[in-house]
Amino acid sequence: MDKEILSWLNFTKEKVRELELLESLFRNGIVDSNKEAYEFNKTINDGRKQSQKIYDTKVRERIANLVIAERKESFQARIKIQRKELGYLDLVTTTIRSFPQTP
């Protein structure tokens, strides 16, 4: 695996160390005992933000130019039309509000 990408991934031991670092930073701020780990973590994260492997200016431009479309009709008006035109009934859902996997 690419070393740059591998440095972004967290596995169990690394995640525990990061949590310990966060606790230390929260309780003590940046001090001698955590400064090296903090700087290392900051370098990895800063590098990821600027990496050409994940940074695509075309995507960033498209996101910056997105226009949020507002619906003209309320949900109640739309569902009434959908039920009339398409014959929609109330959808059966499970307790977690997802569609059941079997009929």
C-alpha atoms as a PDB file:
ATOM      1  CA  MET A   1       0.000   0.000   0.000  1.00  0.00           C
ATOM      2  CA  ASP A   2       1.138   3.542  -0.713  1.00  0.00           C
ATOM      3  CA  LYS A   3       3.028   4.879   2.348  1.00  0.00           C
ATOM      4  CA  GLU A   4       1.258   8.248   2.204  1.00  0.00           C
ATOM      5  CA  ILE A   5      -2.189   6.663   2.239  1.00  0.00           C
ATOM      6  CA  LEU A   6      -1.147   4.114   4.884  1.00  0.00           C
ATOM      7  CA  SER A   7      -0.166   6.996   7.186  1.00  0.00           C
ATOM      8  CA  TRP A   8      -3.776   8.265   7.080  1.00  0.00           C
ATOM      9  CA  LEU A   9      -5.302   4.994   8.207  1.00  0.00           C
ATOM     10  CA  ASN A  10      -5.816   4.257  11.862  1.00  0.00           C
ATOM     11  CA  PHE A  11      -5.637   0.809  13.296  1.00  0.00           C
ATOM     12  CA  THR A  12      -6.454  -0.192  16.862  1.00  0.00           C
ATOM     13  CA  LYS A  13      -3.104   0.545  18.512  1.00  0.00           C
ATOM     14  CA  GLU A  14      -2.693   3.820  16.635  1.00  0.00           C
ATOM     15  CA  LYS A  15      -6.263   4.877  17.475  1.00  0.00           C
ATOM     16  CA  VAL A  16      -5.674   4.212  21.178  1.00  0.00           C
ATOM     17  CA  ARG A  17      -2.480   6.309  21.031  1.00  0.00           C
ATOM     18  CA  GLU A  18      -4.385   9.105  19.307  1.00  0.00           C
ATOM     19  CA  LEU A  19      -7.060   9.020  22.013  1.00  0.00           C
ATOM     20  CA  GLU A  20      -4.380   9.145  24.694  1.00  0.00           C
ATOM     21  CA  LEU A  21      -2.807  12.110  22.897  1.00  0.00           C
ATOM     22  CA  LEU A  22      -6.163  13.886  22.702  1.00  0.00           C
ATOM     23  CA  GLU A  23      -6.715  13.331  26.416  1.00  0.00           C
ATOM     24  CA  SER A  24      -3.250  14.669  27.200  1.00  0.00           C
ATOM     25  CA  LEU A  25      -3.768  17.715  24.982  1.00  0.00           C
ATOM     26  CA  PHE A  26      -7.183  18.353  26.514  1.00  0.00           C
ATOM     27  CA  ARG A  27      -5.922  18.092  30.081  1.00  0.00           C
ATOM     28  CA  ASN A  28      -2.459  19.651  29.739  1.00  0.00           C
ATOM     29  CA  GLY A  29      -2.254  21.492  26.424  1.00  0.00           C
ATOM     30  CA  ILE A  30       0.893  21.063  24.348  1.00  0.00           C
ATOM     31  CA  VAL A  31       3.710  20.176  26.739  1.00  0.00           C
ATOM     32  CA  ASP A  32       7.085  18.433  26.406  1.00  0.00           C
ATOM     33  CA  SER A  33       5.574  14.987  27.041  1.00  0.00           C
ATOM     34  CA  ASN A  34       3.123  15.164  24.128  1.00  0.00           C
ATOM     35  CA  LYS A  35       4.694  17.703  21.777  1.00  0.00           C
ATOM     36  CA  GLU A  36       6.463  15.182  19.509  1.00  0.00           C
ATOM     37  CA  ALA A  37       3.318  13.055  19.060  1.00  0.00           C
ATOM     38  CA  TYR A  38       1.250  16.183  18.466  1.00  0.00           C
ATOM     39  CA  GLU A  39       3.634  17.495  15.798  1.00  0.00           C
ATOM     40  CA  PHE A  40       3.758  14.086  14.076  1.00  0.00           C
ATOM     41  CA  ASN A  41      -0.044  13.853  14.016  1.00  0.00           C
ATOM     42  CA  LYS A  42      -0.347  17.430  12.760  1.00  0.00           C
ATOM     43  CA  THR A  43       2.163  16.767   9.954  1.00  0.00           C
ATOM     44  CA  ILE A  44       0.229  13.677   8.803  1.00  0.00           C
ATOM     45  CA  ASN A  45      -3.100  15.518   8.835  1.00  0.00           C
ATOM     46  CA  ASP A  46      -1.737  18.623   7.103  1.00  0.00           C
ATOM     47  CA  GLY A  47      -0.164  16.432   4.427  1.00  0.00           C
ATOM     48  CA  ARG A  48      -3.455  14.651   3.831  1.00  0.00           C
ATOM     49  CA  LYS A  49      -5.298  17.932   3.370  1.00  0.00           C
ATOM     50  CA  GLN A  50      -2.875  18.947   0.620  1.00  0.00           C
ATOM     51  CA  SER A  51      -2.247  15.573  -1.034  1.00  0.00           C
ATOM     52  CA  GLN A  52      -2.872  15.428  -4.763  1.00  0.00           C
ATOM     53  CA  LYS A  53      -4.097  11.859  -4.219  1.00  0.00           C
ATOM     54  CA  ILE A  54      -7.304  13.118  -2.656  1.00  0.00           C
ATOM     55  CA  TYR A  55      -7.443  16.811  -3.542  1.00  0.00           C
ATOM     56  CA  ASP A  56      -9.197  17.431  -6.849  1.00  0.00           C
ATOM     57  CA  THR A  57      -9.644  21.093  -7.764  1.00  0.00           C
ATOM     58  CA  LYS A  58     -12.452  20.275 -10.218  1.00  0.00           C
ATOM     59  CA  VAL A  59     -14.463  18.613  -7.448  1.00  0.00           C
ATOM     60  CA  ARG A  60     -13.777  21.513  -5.078  1.00  0.00           C
ATOM     61  CA  GLU A  61     -14.971  23.988  -7.724  1.00  0.00           C
ATOM     62  CA  ARG A  62     -18.168  21.999  -8.347  1.00  0.00           C
ATOM     63  CA  ILE A  63     -18.892  21.877  -4.625  1.00  0.00           C
ATOM     64  CA  ALA A  64     -18.257  25.609  -4.242  1.00  0.00           C
ATOM     65  CA  ASN A  65     -20.719  26.325  -7.058  1.00  0.00           C
ATOM     66  CA  LEU A  66     -23.546  24.073  -5.878  1.00  0.00           C
ATOM     67  CA  VAL A  67     -26.946  25.680  -5.799  1.00  0.00           C
ATOM     68  CA  ILE A  68     -29.389  24.328  -3.257  1.00  0.00           C
ATOM     69  CA  ALA A  69     -32.727  23.766  -4.931  1.00  0.00           C
ATOM     70  CA  GLU A  70     -35.766  24.460  -2.830  1.00  0.00           C
ATOM     71  CA  ARG A  71     -38.970  22.591  -3.583  1.00  0.00           C
ATOM     72  CA  LYS A  72     -41.948  24.737  -4.448  1.00  0.00           C
ATOM     73  CA  GLU A  73     -44.510  22.464  -2.849  1.00  0.00           C
ATOM     74  CA  SER A  74     -44.634  21.251   0.735  1.00  0.00           C
ATOM     75  CA  PHE A  75     -44.185  17.561   1.532  1.00  0.00           C
ATOM     76  CA  GLN A  76     -47.887  17.218   2.243  1.00  0.00           C
ATOM     77  CA  ALA A  77     -48.793  18.634  -1.181  1.00  0.00           C
ATOM     78  CA  ARG A  78     -46.222  16.433  -2.971  1.00  0.00           C
ATOM     79  CA  ILE A  79     -47.241  13.198  -1.255  1.00  0.00           C
ATOM     80  CA  LYS A  80     -50.903  13.899  -2.018  1.00  0.00           C
ATOM     81  CA  ILE A  81     -50.073  14.214  -5.750  1.00  0.00           C
ATOM     82  CA  GLN A  82     -47.826  11.125  -5.660  1.00  0.00           C
ATOM     83  CA  ARG A  83     -50.536   9.037  -4.027  1.00  0.00           C
ATOM     84  CA  LYS A  84     -53.101  10.183  -6.592  1.00  0.00           C
ATOM     85  CA  GLU A  85     -50.921   9.938  -9.719  1.00  0.00           C
ATOM     86  CA  LEU A  86     -48.740   6.974  -8.816  1.00  0.00           C
ATOM     87  CA  GLY A  87     -50.976   5.053  -6.441  1.00  0.00           C
ATOM     88  CA  TYR A  88     -48.467   5.262  -3.592  1.00  0.00           C
ATOM     89  CA  LEU A  89     -49.574   3.842  -0.269  1.00  0.00           C
ATOM     90  CA  ASP A  90     -47.912   4.418   3.072  1.00  0.00           C
ATOM     91  CA  LEU A  91     -44.564   2.634   2.955  1.00  0.00           C
ATOM     92  CA  VAL A  92     -44.093  -0.215   5.404  1.00  0.00           C
ATOM     93  CA  THR A  93     -40.990   0.355   7.516  1.00  0.00           C
ATOM     94  CA  THR A  94     -39.251  -1.391  10.369  1.00  0.00           C
ATOM     95  CA  THR A  95     -38.778   0.164  13.778  1.00  0.00           C
ATOM     96  CA  ILE A  96     -35.565   1.787  12.558  1.00  0.00           C
ATOM     97  CA  ARG A  97     -37.428   3.342   9.627  1.00  0.00           C
ATOM     98  CA  SER A  98     -35.766   1.308   6.887  1.00  0.00           C
ATOM     99  CA  PHE A  99     -37.459  -0.786   4.273  1.00  0.00           C
ATOM    100  CA  PRO A 100     -37.899  -4.441   5.233  1.00  0.00           C
ATOM    101  CA  GLN A 101     -35.614  -6.930   3.493  1.00  0.00           C
ATOM    102  CA  THR A 102     -38.376  -9.481   2.892  1.00  0.00           C
ATOM    103  CA  PRO A 103     -42.013  -9.064   1.810  1.00  0.00           C
END
